[in-house]
Amino acid sequence: MSGLYDCTTCDICGAESDDLARWVPADHVMPLDRYRRDLAAALGEEDIAQEYDFIQFCLGHFREIPIAEAKAAWKGRDRTAT
């Protein structure tokens, strides 16, 4: 994606729009597998990286928040939900 004046242009297909992407700081964006492993390691629970609920949590957060914030969010989530 590239910025062009006040619109966003897809570098792959050339599409232009004002809202093709949600811009986030790139300093914490990483591939899902690495995010999942790093978060599990930060939690001290490497085995959790293969659990369905944890994978779903990571899918919902890996582009949004860095590991430190995800760690707090995982620990603070409502564990009574099934």
PDB file of N, CA and C in Angstrom:
ATOM      1  N   MET A   1       0.841  -1.169   0.000  1.00  0.00           N
ATOM      2  CA  MET A   1       0.000   0.000   0.000  1.00  0.00           C
ATOM      3  C   MET A   1       0.888   1.235   0.000  1.00  0.00           C
ATOM      4  N   SER A   2       0.472   2.228  -0.717  1.00  0.00           N
ATOM      5  CA  SER A   2       1.171   3.507  -0.708  1.00  0.00           C
ATOM      6  C   SER A   2       0.169   4.627  -0.518  1.00  0.00           C
ATOM      7  N   GLY A   3       0.658   5.708   0.069  1.00  0.00           N
ATOM      8  CA  GLY A   3      -0.184   6.882   0.210  1.00  0.00           C
ATOM      9  C   GLY A   3       0.020   7.795  -0.982  1.00  0.00           C
ATOM     10  N   LEU A   4      -1.031   8.301  -1.525  1.00  0.00           N
ATOM     11  CA  LEU A   4      -0.951   9.217  -2.657  1.00  0.00           C
ATOM     12  C   LEU A   4      -1.916  10.352  -2.363  1.00  0.00           C
ATOM     13  N   TYR A   5      -1.363  11.513  -2.050  1.00  0.00           N
ATOM     14  CA  TYR A   5      -2.184  12.654  -1.662  1.00  0.00           C
ATOM     15  C   TYR A   5      -3.118  12.246  -0.543  1.00  0.00           C
ATOM     16  N   ASP A   6      -4.420  12.274  -0.776  1.00  0.00           N
ATOM     17  CA  ASP A   6      -5.349  11.946   0.306  1.00  0.00           C
ATOM     18  C   ASP A   6      -6.024  10.596   0.084  1.00  0.00           C
ATOM     19  N   CYS A   7      -5.473   9.750  -0.775  1.00  0.00           N
ATOM     20  CA  CYS A   7      -6.060   8.425  -0.950  1.00  0.00           C
ATOM     21  C   CYS A   7      -4.974   7.362  -0.821  1.00  0.00           C
ATOM     22  N   THR A   8      -5.408   6.125  -0.708  1.00  0.00           N
ATOM     23  CA  THR A   8      -4.516   4.986  -0.569  1.00  0.00           C
ATOM     24  C   THR A   8      -4.521   4.208  -1.875  1.00  0.00           C
ATOM     25  N   THR A   9      -3.350   3.774  -2.315  1.00  0.00           N
ATOM     26  CA  THR A   9      -3.237   3.001  -3.550  1.00  0.00           C
ATOM     27  C   THR A   9      -2.650   1.633  -3.237  1.00  0.00           C
ATOM     28  N   CYS A  10      -3.291   0.591  -3.741  1.00  0.00           N
ATOM     29  CA  CYS A  10      -2.764  -0.763  -3.593  1.00  0.00           C
ATOM     30  C   CYS A  10      -1.640  -0.935  -4.601  1.00  0.00           C
ATOM     31  N   ASP A  11      -0.433  -1.248  -4.108  1.00  0.00           N
ATOM     32  CA  ASP A  11       0.717  -1.422  -4.992  1.00  0.00           C
ATOM     33  C   ASP A  11       0.603  -2.681  -5.848  1.00  0.00           C
ATOM     34  N   ILE A  12      -0.235  -3.619  -5.462  1.00  0.00           N
ATOM     35  CA  ILE A  12      -0.373  -4.869  -6.205  1.00  0.00           C
ATOM     36  C   ILE A  12      -1.363  -4.734  -7.358  1.00  0.00           C
ATOM     37  N   CYS A  13      -2.564  -4.209  -7.079  1.00  0.00           N
ATOM     38  CA  CYS A  13      -3.589  -4.166  -8.125  1.00  0.00           C
ATOM     39  C   CYS A  13      -3.877  -2.768  -8.644  1.00  0.00           C
ATOM     40  N   GLY A  14      -3.364  -1.738  -7.986  1.00  0.00           N
ATOM     41  CA  GLY A  14      -3.577  -0.374  -8.444  1.00  0.00           C
ATOM     42  C   GLY A  14      -4.872   0.267  -7.977  1.00  0.00           C
ATOM     43  N   ALA A  15      -5.655  -0.427  -7.167  1.00  0.00           N
ATOM     44  CA  ALA A  15      -6.909   0.138  -6.667  1.00  0.00           C
ATOM     45  C   ALA A  15      -6.622   1.374  -5.830  1.00  0.00           C
ATOM     46  N   GLU A  16      -7.526   2.334  -5.896  1.00  0.00           N
ATOM     47  CA  GLU A  16      -7.382   3.556  -5.107  1.00  0.00           C
ATOM     48  C   GLU A  16      -8.637   3.785  -4.286  1.00  0.00           C
ATOM     49  N   SER A  17      -8.446   4.229  -3.064  1.00  0.00           N
ATOM     50  CA  SER A  17      -9.568   4.507  -2.177  1.00  0.00           C
ATOM     51  C   SER A  17      -9.068   5.311  -0.992  1.00  0.00           C
ATOM     52  N   ASP A  18      -9.995   5.913  -0.278  1.00  0.00           N
ATOM     53  CA  ASP A  18      -9.639   6.630   0.938  1.00  0.00           C
ATOM     54  C   ASP A  18      -9.531   5.684   2.130  1.00  0.00           C
ATOM     55  N   ASP A  19     -10.014   4.451   1.977  1.00  0.00           N
ATOM     56  CA  ASP A  19     -10.043   3.548   3.126  1.00  0.00           C
ATOM     57  C   ASP A  19      -9.705   2.099   2.773  1.00  0.00           C
ATOM     58  N   LEU A  20      -8.669   1.891   1.966  1.00  0.00           N
ATOM     59  CA  LEU A  20      -8.253   0.525   1.642  1.00  0.00           C
ATOM     60  C   LEU A  20      -7.589  -0.165   2.822  1.00  0.00           C
ATOM     61  N   ALA A  21      -6.999   0.601   3.686  1.00  0.00           N
ATOM     62  CA  ALA A  21      -6.241  -0.012   4.775  1.00  0.00           C
ATOM     63  C   ALA A  21      -6.403   0.783   6.052  1.00  0.00           C
ATOM     64  N   ARG A  22      -6.240   0.086   7.154  1.00  0.00           N
ATOM     65  CA  ARG A  22      -6.162   0.750   8.448  1.00  0.00           C
ATOM     66  C   ARG A  22      -4.683   0.841   8.759  1.00  0.00           C
ATOM     67  N   TRP A  23      -4.172   2.036   8.804  1.00  0.00           N
ATOM     68  CA  TRP A  23      -2.743   2.233   9.021  1.00  0.00           C
ATOM     69  C   TRP A  23      -2.400   2.005  10.481  1.00  0.00           C
ATOM     70  N   VAL A  24      -1.382   1.200  10.720  1.00  0.00           N
ATOM     71  CA  VAL A  24      -0.890   0.943  12.071  1.00  0.00           C
ATOM     72  C   VAL A  24       0.623   1.094  12.059  1.00  0.00           C
ATOM     73  N   PRO A  25       1.214   1.449  13.184  1.00  0.00           N
ATOM     74  CA  PRO A  25       2.673   1.525  13.231  1.00  0.00           C
ATOM     75  C   PRO A  25       3.271   0.150  12.909  1.00  0.00           C
ATOM     76  N   ALA A  26       4.243   0.112  12.047  1.00  0.00           N
ATOM     77  CA  ALA A  26       4.814  -1.163  11.597  1.00  0.00           C
ATOM     78  C   ALA A  26       5.804  -1.754  12.585  1.00  0.00           C
ATOM     79  N   ASP A  27       6.134  -1.033  13.648  1.00  0.00           N
ATOM     80  CA  ASP A  27       7.160  -1.534  14.557  1.00  0.00           C
ATOM     81  C   ASP A  27       6.746  -2.776  15.330  1.00  0.00           C
ATOM     82  N   HIS A  28       5.454  -3.058  15.439  1.00  0.00           N
ATOM     83  CA  HIS A  28       5.048  -4.251  16.173  1.00  0.00           C
ATOM     84  C   HIS A  28       4.307  -5.275  15.320  1.00  0.00           C
ATOM     85  N   VAL A  29       4.146  -5.015  14.039  1.00  0.00           N
ATOM     86  CA  VAL A  29       3.438  -5.953  13.178  1.00  0.00           C
ATOM     87  C   VAL A  29       4.385  -7.076  12.770  1.00  0.00           C
ATOM     88  N   MET A  30       3.935  -8.300  12.964  1.00  0.00           N
ATOM     89  CA  MET A  30       4.753  -9.460  12.604  1.00  0.00           C
ATOM     90  C   MET A  30       3.828 -10.558  12.109  1.00  0.00           C
ATOM     91  N   PRO A  31       4.369 -11.571  11.448  1.00  0.00           N
ATOM     92  CA  PRO A  31       3.542 -12.685  10.989  1.00  0.00           C
ATOM     93  C   PRO A  31       2.829 -13.358  12.166  1.00  0.00           C
ATOM     94  N   LEU A  32       1.650 -13.881  11.896  1.00  0.00           N
ATOM     95  CA  LEU A  32       0.832 -14.497  12.938  1.00  0.00           C
ATOM     96  C   LEU A  32       1.571 -15.599  13.692  1.00  0.00           C
ATOM     97  N   ASP A  33       2.255 -16.488  12.989  1.00  0.00           N
ATOM     98  CA  ASP A  33       2.940 -17.595  13.672  1.00  0.00           C
ATOM     99  C   ASP A  33       3.978 -17.091  14.665  1.00  0.00           C
ATOM    100  N   ARG A  34       4.735 -16.098  14.259  1.00  0.00           N
ATOM    101  CA  ARG A  34       5.754 -15.549  15.170  1.00  0.00           C
ATOM    102  C   ARG A  34       5.091 -14.844  16.347  1.00  0.00           C
ATOM    103  N   TYR A  35       4.038 -14.078  16.078  1.00  0.00           N
ATOM    104  CA  TYR A  35       3.304 -13.373  17.132  1.00  0.00           C
ATOM    105  C   TYR A  35       2.789 -14.378  18.161  1.00  0.00           C
ATOM    106  N   ARG A  36       2.203 -15.462  17.668  1.00  0.00           N
ATOM    107  CA  ARG A  36       1.640 -16.487  18.542  1.00  0.00           C
ATOM    108  C   ARG A  36       2.729 -17.125  19.399  1.00  0.00           C
ATOM    109  N   ARG A  37       3.844 -17.481  18.791  1.00  0.00           N
ATOM    110  CA  ARG A  37       4.958 -18.079  19.550  1.00  0.00           C
ATOM    111  C   ARG A  37       5.539 -17.097  20.558  1.00  0.00           C
ATOM    112  N   ASP A  38       5.742 -15.846  20.133  1.00  0.00           N
ATOM    113  CA  ASP A  38       6.322 -14.841  21.026  1.00  0.00           C
ATOM    114  C   ASP A  38       5.397 -14.525  22.196  1.00  0.00           C
ATOM    115  N   LEU A  39       4.097 -14.461  21.925  1.00  0.00           N
ATOM    116  CA  LEU A  39       3.147 -14.187  23.002  1.00  0.00           C
ATOM    117  C   LEU A  39       3.100 -15.359  23.978  1.00  0.00           C
ATOM    118  N   ALA A  40       3.075 -16.573  23.463  1.00  0.00           N
ATOM    119  CA  ALA A  40       3.078 -17.755  24.334  1.00  0.00           C
ATOM    120  C   ALA A  40       4.335 -17.772  25.200  1.00  0.00           C
ATOM    121  N   ALA A  41       5.476 -17.430  24.608  1.00  0.00           N
ATOM    122  CA  ALA A  41       6.732 -17.382  25.368  1.00  0.00           C
ATOM    123  C   ALA A  41       6.681 -16.286  26.427  1.00  0.00           C
ATOM    124  N   ALA A  42       6.127 -15.126  26.072  1.00  0.00           N
ATOM    125  CA  ALA A  42       6.018 -14.019  27.030  1.00  0.00           C
ATOM    126  C   ALA A  42       5.120 -14.398  28.206  1.00  0.00           C
ATOM    127  N   LEU A  43       4.130 -15.235  27.932  1.00  0.00           N
ATOM    128  CA  LEU A  43       3.234 -15.702  28.987  1.00  0.00           C
ATOM    129  C   LEU A  43       3.858 -16.845  29.794  1.00  0.00           C
ATOM    130  N   GLY A  44       4.974 -17.391  29.286  1.00  0.00           N
ATOM    131  CA  GLY A  44       5.614 -18.523  29.950  1.00  0.00           C
ATOM    132  C   GLY A  44       4.854 -19.819  29.752  1.00  0.00           C
ATOM    133  N   GLU A  45       4.056 -19.884  28.685  1.00  0.00           N
ATOM    134  CA  GLU A  45       3.224 -21.058  28.406  1.00  0.00           C
ATOM    135  C   GLU A  45       3.371 -21.441  26.935  1.00  0.00           C
ATOM    136  N   GLU A  46       4.539 -21.918  26.532  1.00  0.00           N
ATOM    137  CA  GLU A  46       4.796 -22.220  25.126  1.00  0.00           C
ATOM    138  C   GLU A  46       3.783 -23.187  24.527  1.00  0.00           C
ATOM    139  N   ASP A  47       3.283 -24.140  25.312  1.00  0.00           N
ATOM    140  CA  ASP A  47       2.338 -25.139  24.805  1.00  0.00           C
ATOM    141  C   ASP A  47       0.994 -24.535  24.409  1.00  0.00           C
ATOM    142  N   ILE A  48       0.661 -23.389  24.956  1.00  0.00           N
ATOM    143  CA  ILE A  48      -0.628 -22.762  24.667  1.00  0.00           C
ATOM    144  C   ILE A  48      -0.734 -22.299  23.210  1.00  0.00           C
ATOM    145  N   ALA A  49       0.391 -22.148  22.539  1.00  0.00           N
ATOM    146  CA  ALA A  49       0.415 -21.635  21.162  1.00  0.00           C
ATOM    147  C   ALA A  49      -0.392 -22.492  20.198  1.00  0.00           C
ATOM    148  N   GLN A  50      -0.670 -23.740  20.544  1.00  0.00           N
ATOM    149  CA  GLN A  50      -1.419 -24.640  19.665  1.00  0.00           C
ATOM    150  C   GLN A  50      -2.897 -24.753  20.039  1.00  0.00           C
ATOM    151  N   GLU A  51      -3.315 -24.087  21.103  1.00  0.00           N
ATOM    152  CA  GLU A  51      -4.710 -24.180  21.544  1.00  0.00           C
ATOM    153  C   GLU A  51      -5.614 -23.270  20.720  1.00  0.00           C
ATOM    154  N   TYR A  52      -6.801 -23.777  20.417  1.00  0.00           N
ATOM    155  CA  TYR A  52      -7.747 -23.063  19.560  1.00  0.00           C
ATOM    156  C   TYR A  52      -8.067 -21.660  20.075  1.00  0.00           C
ATOM    157  N   ASP A  53      -8.414 -21.540  21.348  1.00  0.00           N
ATOM    158  CA  ASP A  53      -8.786 -20.230  21.901  1.00  0.00           C
ATOM    159  C   ASP A  53      -7.641 -19.231  21.804  1.00  0.00           C
ATOM    160  N   PHE A  54      -6.436 -19.703  22.032  1.00  0.00           N
ATOM    161  CA  PHE A  54      -5.268 -18.831  21.957  1.00  0.00           C
ATOM    162  C   PHE A  54      -5.014 -18.392  20.516  1.00  0.00           C
ATOM    163  N   ILE A  55      -5.143 -19.314  19.578  1.00  0.00           N
ATOM    164  CA  ILE A  55      -4.966 -18.973  18.162  1.00  0.00           C
ATOM    165  C   ILE A  55      -6.004 -17.941  17.742  1.00  0.00           C
ATOM    166  N   GLN A  56      -7.250 -18.122  18.155  1.00  0.00           N
ATOM    167  CA  GLN A  56      -8.302 -17.155  17.820  1.00  0.00           C
ATOM    168  C   GLN A  56      -8.010 -15.789  18.434  1.00  0.00           C
ATOM    169  N   PHE A  57      -7.524 -15.778  19.657  1.00  0.00           N
ATOM    170  CA  PHE A  57      -7.145 -14.528  20.311  1.00  0.00           C
ATOM    171  C   PHE A  57      -6.062 -13.829  19.498  1.00  0.00           C
ATOM    172  N   CYS A  58      -5.050 -14.581  19.095  1.00  0.00           N
ATOM    173  CA  CYS A  58      -3.947 -14.006  18.317  1.00  0.00           C
ATOM    174  C   CYS A  58      -4.430 -13.488  16.972  1.00  0.00           C
ATOM    175  N   LEU A  59      -5.330 -14.226  16.320  1.00  0.00           N
ATOM    176  CA  LEU A  59      -5.887 -13.766  15.043  1.00  0.00           C
ATOM    177  C   LEU A  59      -6.560 -12.408  15.190  1.00  0.00           C
ATOM    178  N   GLY A  60      -7.204 -12.196  16.304  1.00  0.00           N
ATOM    179  CA  GLY A  60      -7.901 -10.940  16.530  1.00  0.00           C
ATOM    180  C   GLY A  60      -7.021  -9.789  16.979  1.00  0.00           C
ATOM    181  N   HIS A  61      -5.772 -10.083  17.337  1.00  0.00           N
ATOM    182  CA  HIS A  61      -4.929  -9.039  17.912  1.00  0.00           C
ATOM    183  C   HIS A  61      -3.583  -8.806  17.238  1.00  0.00           C
ATOM    184  N   PHE A  62      -3.093  -9.743  16.423  1.00  0.00           N
ATOM    185  CA  PHE A  62      -1.694  -9.640  15.975  1.00  0.00           C
ATOM    186  C   PHE A  62      -1.409  -8.429  15.104  1.00  0.00           C
ATOM    187  N   ARG A  63      -2.402  -7.878  14.463  1.00  0.00           N
ATOM    188  CA  ARG A  63      -2.179  -6.667  13.668  1.00  0.00           C
ATOM    189  C   ARG A  63      -2.500  -5.403  14.449  1.00  0.00           C
ATOM    190  N   GLU A  64      -3.064  -5.567  15.614  1.00  0.00           N
ATOM    191  CA  GLU A  64      -3.577  -4.426  16.362  1.00  0.00           C
ATOM    192  C   GLU A  64      -2.701  -3.984  17.525  1.00  0.00           C
ATOM    193  N   ILE A  65      -2.194  -4.939  18.293  1.00  0.00           N
ATOM    194  CA  ILE A  65      -1.480  -4.568  19.516  1.00  0.00           C
ATOM    195  C   ILE A  65      -0.173  -5.342  19.652  1.00  0.00           C
ATOM    196  N   PRO A  66       0.832  -4.721  20.256  1.00  0.00           N
ATOM    197  CA  PRO A  66       2.114  -5.403  20.460  1.00  0.00           C
ATOM    198  C   PRO A  66       2.006  -6.490  21.536  1.00  0.00           C
ATOM    199  N   ILE A  67       3.034  -7.306  21.620  1.00  0.00           N
ATOM    200  CA  ILE A  67       3.061  -8.453  22.533  1.00  0.00           C
ATOM    201  C   ILE A  67       2.777  -8.051  23.981  1.00  0.00           C
ATOM    202  N   ALA A  68       3.387  -6.982  24.462  1.00  0.00           N
ATOM    203  CA  ALA A  68       3.194  -6.584  25.869  1.00  0.00           C
ATOM    204  C   ALA A  68       1.723  -6.294  26.167  1.00  0.00           C
ATOM    205  N   GLU A  69       1.046  -5.611  25.255  1.00  0.00           N
ATOM    206  CA  GLU A  69      -0.375  -5.317  25.458  1.00  0.00           C
ATOM    207  C   GLU A  69      -1.218  -6.574  25.303  1.00  0.00           C
ATOM    208  N   ALA A  70      -0.850  -7.438  24.361  1.00  0.00           N
ATOM    209  CA  ALA A  70      -1.586  -8.690  24.163  1.00  0.00           C
ATOM    210  C   ALA A  70      -1.452  -9.593  25.383  1.00  0.00           C
ATOM    211  N   LYS A  71      -0.281  -9.582  25.991  1.00  0.00           N
ATOM    212  CA  LYS A  71      -0.055 -10.380  27.201  1.00  0.00           C
ATOM    213  C   LYS A  71      -1.025  -9.948  28.296  1.00  0.00           C
ATOM    214  N   ALA A  72      -1.143  -8.649  28.507  1.00  0.00           N
ATOM    215  CA  ALA A  72      -2.068  -8.133  29.521  1.00  0.00           C
ATOM    216  C   ALA A  72      -3.516  -8.446  29.153  1.00  0.00           C
ATOM    217  N   ALA A  73      -3.846  -8.324  27.870  1.00  0.00           N
ATOM    218  CA  ALA A  73      -5.215  -8.604  27.423  1.00  0.00           C
ATOM    219  C   ALA A  73      -5.557 -10.080  27.606  1.00  0.00           C
ATOM    220  N   TRP A  74      -4.602 -10.967  27.297  1.00  0.00           N
ATOM    221  CA  TRP A  74      -4.845 -12.406  27.466  1.00  0.00           C
ATOM    222  C   TRP A  74      -5.056 -12.735  28.938  1.00  0.00           C
ATOM    223  N   LYS A  75      -4.223 -12.184  29.796  1.00  0.00           N
ATOM    224  CA  LYS A  75      -4.356 -12.448  31.230  1.00  0.00           C
ATOM    225  C   LYS A  75      -5.639 -11.850  31.802  1.00  0.00           C
ATOM    226  N   GLY A  76      -6.103 -10.738  31.231  1.00  0.00           N
ATOM    227  CA  GLY A  76      -7.271 -10.058  31.764  1.00  0.00           C
ATOM    228  C   GLY A  76      -8.592 -10.451  31.139  1.00  0.00           C
ATOM    229  N   ARG A  77      -8.557 -11.336  30.143  1.00  0.00           N
ATOM    230  CA  ARG A  77      -9.807 -11.694  29.471  1.00  0.00           C
ATOM    231  C   ARG A  77     -10.701 -12.479  30.413  1.00  0.00           C
ATOM    232  N   ASP A  78     -11.961 -12.549  30.065  1.00  0.00           N
ATOM    233  CA  ASP A  78     -12.940 -13.258  30.885  1.00  0.00           C
ATOM    234  C   ASP A  78     -12.780 -14.756  30.647  1.00  0.00           C
ATOM    235  N   ARG A  79     -12.209 -15.449  31.575  1.00  0.00           N
ATOM    236  CA  ARG A  79     -11.968 -16.888  31.420  1.00  0.00           C
ATOM    237  C   ARG A  79     -13.206 -17.723  31.737  1.00  0.00           C
ATOM    238  N   THR A  80     -14.300 -17.095  32.141  1.00  0.00           N
ATOM    239  CA  THR A  80     -15.502 -17.870  32.440  1.00  0.00           C
ATOM    240  C   THR A  80     -16.317 -18.143  31.192  1.00  0.00           C
ATOM    241  N   ALA A  81     -16.029 -17.431  30.091  1.00  0.00           N
ATOM    242  CA  ALA A  81     -16.762 -17.661  28.844  1.00  0.00           C
ATOM    243  C   ALA A  81     -16.346 -19.004  28.257  1.00  0.00           C
ATOM    244  N   THR A  82     -17.293 -19.677  27.624  1.00  0.00           N
ATOM    245  CA  THR A  82     -16.957 -20.961  26.996  1.00  0.00           C
ATOM    246  C   THR A  82     -17.129 -20.873  25.516  1.00  0.00           C
TER     247      THR A  82
END
